[in-house]
């Protein structure tokens, strides 16, 4: 249950990062992942990129102009403040899957609406495609062991599948 809850939280964080967390647009590996040690151990903790870092990454990956980049940064800043308010006094580990899903869906809808008004049609299509690919990969990882990566995850090692 803890692994599932953590996986859901990571999905929520990945949605918040919107191509800025572990994987960028186009499937490129980004910084700040949870792989702190060998076998995907979580010793390093998750470092969410700042709104400015996320906007800069999107600028490079989607070819945003400076005005678009500022708007993306402002959106992520506002979204982060709203999430802090929603999470105040809550422990994500005690949140239900349903509550996490609702929060993730709310963030996704917020991003979609904001980015449709900021990006060109081509930029939005590229961003949307990358989002769908990330979501499919995340669901596959969850299906195959709750998001563990590399040797040392469940079912790996001696006598493992």
Protein backbone atom coordinates (compact mmCIF):
# COMPACT_ATOMS: atom_id res chain seq x y z
CA UNK A 1 0.00 0.00 0.00
CA UNK A 2 2.86 2.38 0.82
CA UNK A 3 4.43 1.71 -2.58
CA UNK A 4 1.16 2.37 -4.33
CA UNK A 5 0.61 5.57 -2.39
CA UNK A 6 4.14 6.70 -3.21
CA UNK A 7 3.62 5.82 -6.87
CA UNK A 8 0.44 7.89 -6.95
CA UNK A 9 2.18 10.81 -5.28
CA UNK A 10 4.99 10.57 -7.82
CA UNK A 11 2.41 10.60 -10.59
CA UNK A 12 0.92 13.73 -9.06
CA UNK A 13 4.34 15.34 -8.78
CA UNK A 14 5.18 14.37 -12.35
CA UNK A 15 1.98 16.00 -13.55
CA UNK A 16 2.86 19.11 -11.60
CA UNK A 17 6.28 19.11 -13.16
CA UNK A 18 4.70 18.78 -16.62
CA UNK A 19 7.71 17.60 -18.52
CA UNK A 20 10.10 19.15 -16.06
CA UNK A 21 10.44 16.43 -13.45
CA UNK A 22 12.07 13.12 -14.25
CA UNK A 23 11.46 13.14 -18.00
CA UNK A 24 11.34 16.09 -20.33
CA UNK A 25 9.42 16.55 -23.57
CA UNK A 26 10.63 14.02 -26.09
CA UNK A 27 11.50 11.46 -23.39
CA UNK A 28 14.81 13.03 -22.37
CA UNK A 29 15.98 12.24 -18.86
CA UNK A 30 15.90 15.24 -16.55
CA UNK A 31 17.31 15.97 -13.13
CA UNK A 32 15.76 15.66 -9.71
CA UNK A 33 14.58 12.06 -9.90
CA UNK A 34 14.06 9.80 -6.93
CA UNK A 35 16.84 7.40 -7.74
CA UNK A 36 19.20 7.98 -4.88
CA UNK A 37 21.25 4.82 -5.03
CA UNK A 38 21.78 1.53 -6.82
CA UNK A 39 18.72 -0.34 -7.95
CA UNK A 40 16.40 2.62 -7.78
CA UNK A 41 16.69 3.04 -4.04
CA UNK A 42 15.13 6.24 -2.83
CA UNK A 43 17.90 7.72 -0.78
CA UNK A 44 18.24 11.03 -2.61
CA UNK A 45 14.69 12.29 -2.25
CA UNK A 46 12.61 14.07 -4.87
CA UNK A 47 13.58 17.60 -5.78
CA UNK A 48 10.83 19.39 -7.65
CA UNK A 49 12.24 21.84 -10.18
CA UNK A 50 11.38 25.50 -9.57
CA UNK A 51 8.82 27.21 -11.81
CA UNK A 52 11.69 29.05 -13.51
CA UNK A 53 13.60 25.80 -14.15
CA UNK A 54 10.48 24.14 -15.53
CA UNK A 55 9.72 27.10 -17.80
CA UNK A 56 13.33 27.20 -19.08
CA UNK A 57 13.23 23.49 -19.88
CA UNK A 58 9.98 23.94 -21.79
CA UNK A 59 11.50 26.91 -23.60
CA UNK A 60 14.28 24.68 -24.90
CA UNK A 61 12.12 21.64 -25.65
CA UNK A 62 9.17 23.41 -27.24
CA UNK A 63 10.90 26.49 -28.64
CA UNK A 64 9.00 28.97 -26.49
CA UNK A 65 9.69 32.66 -26.94
CA UNK A 66 10.57 34.83 -23.89
CA UNK A 67 6.98 36.03 -23.39
CA UNK A 68 5.65 32.46 -23.46
CA UNK A 69 8.35 31.37 -21.03
CA UNK A 70 7.35 34.08 -18.55
CA UNK A 71 3.70 33.03 -18.80
CA UNK A 72 4.58 29.37 -18.20
CA UNK A 73 6.67 30.33 -15.16
CA UNK A 74 3.81 32.46 -13.79
CA UNK A 75 1.37 29.56 -14.30
CA UNK A 76 3.62 27.11 -12.45
CA UNK A 77 4.20 29.62 -9.64
CA UNK A 78 0.46 30.12 -9.18
CA UNK A 79 -0.18 26.38 -9.39
CA UNK A 80 2.49 25.69 -6.78
CA UNK A 81 0.94 28.20 -4.39
CA UNK A 82 -2.50 26.64 -4.88
CA UNK A 83 -1.11 23.17 -4.25
CA UNK A 84 0.59 24.33 -1.04
CA UNK A 85 -2.74 25.70 0.17
CA UNK A 86 -4.51 22.43 -0.68
CA UNK A 87 -1.82 20.31 0.97
CA UNK A 88 -1.49 22.45 4.10
CA UNK A 89 -1.73 20.20 7.13
CA UNK A 90 -2.02 17.05 4.98
CA UNK A 91 0.35 14.16 4.67
CA UNK A 92 0.36 12.80 1.11
CA UNK A 93 0.95 9.30 2.52
CA UNK A 94 -2.42 9.43 4.23
CA UNK A 95 -4.31 10.71 1.19
CA UNK A 96 -6.60 8.29 -0.61
CA UNK A 97 -5.96 7.29 -4.20
CA UNK A 98 -9.18 9.02 -5.11
CA UNK A 99 -8.07 12.32 -3.52
CA UNK A 100 -4.68 12.16 -5.21
CA UNK A 101 -6.33 11.39 -8.53
CA UNK A 102 -8.66 14.36 -8.14
CA UNK A 103 -5.73 16.64 -7.36
CA UNK A 104 -3.74 15.31 -10.33
CA UNK A 105 -6.72 15.73 -12.66
CA UNK A 106 -7.28 19.29 -11.45
CA UNK A 107 -3.63 20.15 -12.13
CA UNK A 108 -3.72 18.53 -15.57
CA UNK A 109 -6.84 20.48 -16.54
CA UNK A 110 -5.25 23.68 -15.26
CA UNK A 111 -2.11 23.03 -17.32
CA UNK A 112 -4.08 22.14 -20.44
CA UNK A 113 -6.18 25.30 -20.23
CA UNK A 114 -3.18 27.54 -19.50
CA UNK A 115 -0.94 26.04 -22.16
CA UNK A 116 -3.61 26.16 -24.88
CA UNK A 117 -3.62 29.91 -24.35
CA UNK A 118 0.18 30.21 -24.24
CA UNK A 119 1.53 27.74 -26.83
CA UNK A 120 1.13 27.68 -30.57
CA UNK A 121 -0.86 24.74 -31.96
CA UNK A 122 2.36 22.91 -32.85
CA UNK A 123 3.91 23.52 -29.42
CA UNK A 124 0.76 22.35 -27.67
CA UNK A 125 0.57 19.21 -29.83
CA UNK A 126 4.20 18.36 -29.01
CA UNK A 127 3.63 18.96 -25.28
CA UNK A 128 0.38 16.94 -25.28
CA UNK A 129 2.00 14.01 -27.10
CA UNK A 130 4.87 13.94 -24.60
CA UNK A 131 2.37 14.03 -21.70
CA UNK A 132 0.51 11.02 -23.07
CA UNK A 133 3.76 9.11 -23.59
CA UNK A 134 4.90 9.87 -20.03
CA UNK A 135 1.57 8.78 -18.62
CA UNK A 136 1.69 5.50 -20.54
CA UNK A 137 5.24 4.82 -19.28
CA UNK A 138 4.23 5.64 -15.71
CA UNK A 139 1.24 3.30 -15.88
CA UNK A 140 3.45 0.54 -17.26
CA UNK A 141 5.95 1.02 -14.43
CA UNK A 142 3.16 0.94 -11.86
CA UNK A 143 1.78 -2.24 -13.40
CA UNK A 144 5.25 -3.81 -13.31
CA UNK A 145 6.18 -3.11 -9.71
CA UNK A 146 4.93 0.20 -8.40
CA UNK A 147 7.42 2.46 -10.10
CA UNK A 148 10.62 0.66 -9.08
CA UNK A 149 13.47 1.14 -11.53
CA UNK A 150 16.49 -0.98 -12.13
CA UNK A 151 17.80 -3.98 -10.20
CA UNK A 152 16.70 -4.18 -6.61
CA UNK A 153 13.03 -3.55 -7.26
CA UNK A 154 10.32 -6.04 -6.33
CA UNK A 155 10.74 -9.44 -7.91
CA UNK A 156 14.32 -8.77 -8.93
CA UNK A 157 17.45 -10.43 -7.73
CA UNK A 158 17.83 -13.95 -6.28
CA UNK A 159 14.87 -16.12 -7.08
CA UNK A 160 12.95 -13.15 -8.47
CA UNK A 161 10.89 -13.13 -11.61
